[in-house]
Amino acid sequence: MESRVKNILKYLFWAAIAVVLVYFCFRSIDWEQFWQAMQQCRWEYVLLAMGFGLLVAFIRGLRWQMLLKPIDPATSALTCFNAYNICLAANLVFPRAGEVARLGYVVKNSSKDGSGQRRMTLDKALGTLLIERGWDILVGIVMAVCLAIFAHERFGGFFQDILKGLGGARTLWIASAAILAIAGLFIFLARKYKDASPFWGKIWGFLVGIGHGLGSFRHMEKGWLFLLYTLIIWFLYWLTSAAILWALQDVEAFSGLSFLDAFFIAMVGSFSSIVPVPGGFGAFHGVVGGFLKSVWGIPMGTGMIYATLNHESQVFIQALAGIGSYIHESFFRKS
């Protein structure tokens, strides 16, 4: 009961943060201009963006399956696809709850070994999730570096401002170093006292399971395909961002933005996921709107037109896909 109350309070806190972010993002909107832009919008491109979003979930499912198969060869692509859809839908309500639901879902649907134990466990699944996120971050960094080098004239000033901000944020670097030091100490204590204490023994067993999940990357078949899936996912993010720009091509403020600009918007928008508000409401709008203003001088209120179309179209398709996957798993697969 106490943990349930804590979860409710935590959710209410982040929901309140989302409300505040939405208020500050939308308070400068010229609503007459906003609805005029909606009337000028080419909705066929919004539908195309929604299709790209659904395809991202499918490719992510295929990629995750590659990491899970060395642990449980019976893991199906459909299970991974449904797990992703349910994850995204759950995150619209409870921030970060989707990842927990996704891990628990594949564990529940994993096959059993000769002793009747599930081949997939929560710690092993968590290890594969960390690998997945690590590759996304790595590829994102590589692409950002490529943009900074080959499109320096267009985006160089933005990257310089980011680097200056990071260089001046000594507190951030100190906090990161402290977190790494604490994590290292925690692992050391778990390994040293795993045999002497049941508590540390369980912790060490959980860490070993995570390590097993991380190690699944080395046992994948066709590792090149994993990298290809990662590149396709980022390309689909790029196309999703571009499709919303195409939808707004009749709105003067966005008519001059190019296909390359769309990729940069997609990359910056992905940073908003750091803020754990339900469904990214407010965080995505603020990050993308602020970026459009700082780079191209598009007023914050006008930038909200793009951010709203992009975010809410993806929220809609994620909710539909999540409901569909839940119905499929709850009724059709059981039958």
Foldseek 3Di string as FASTA:
>chain_A
DVVVVVQVVVQVVLQVVLVVLLCVLAVPAPVVVLVVLVVLFDCVLLVVLQVLLLVLLLLVLVLLLLLCCVQFVPDDSLQSSLLSLLLLQVLLRFFPVSVVSSLVSCQVVGDADPVRHGSRDSLLSLLSVVLVVVLLVVVLVVVVVVCCPVVVVQCVVVVVVVVVVVVPPVVVVVVVVVVVVVVVVLQVVLVVCLPPDVVSVVVNVSVVSSVNSNCSLVVGDPNVVSVVSSVVSLVSLLSSQVSLLVRSCVPVLSVPDDSVNSSVLSSQLVVLSVSRHNQSRSSSLVRSLVVCCVRVNDHSNVSSSSSCSSSVSNSVSSNVSNVVSVCCVVPVVVD
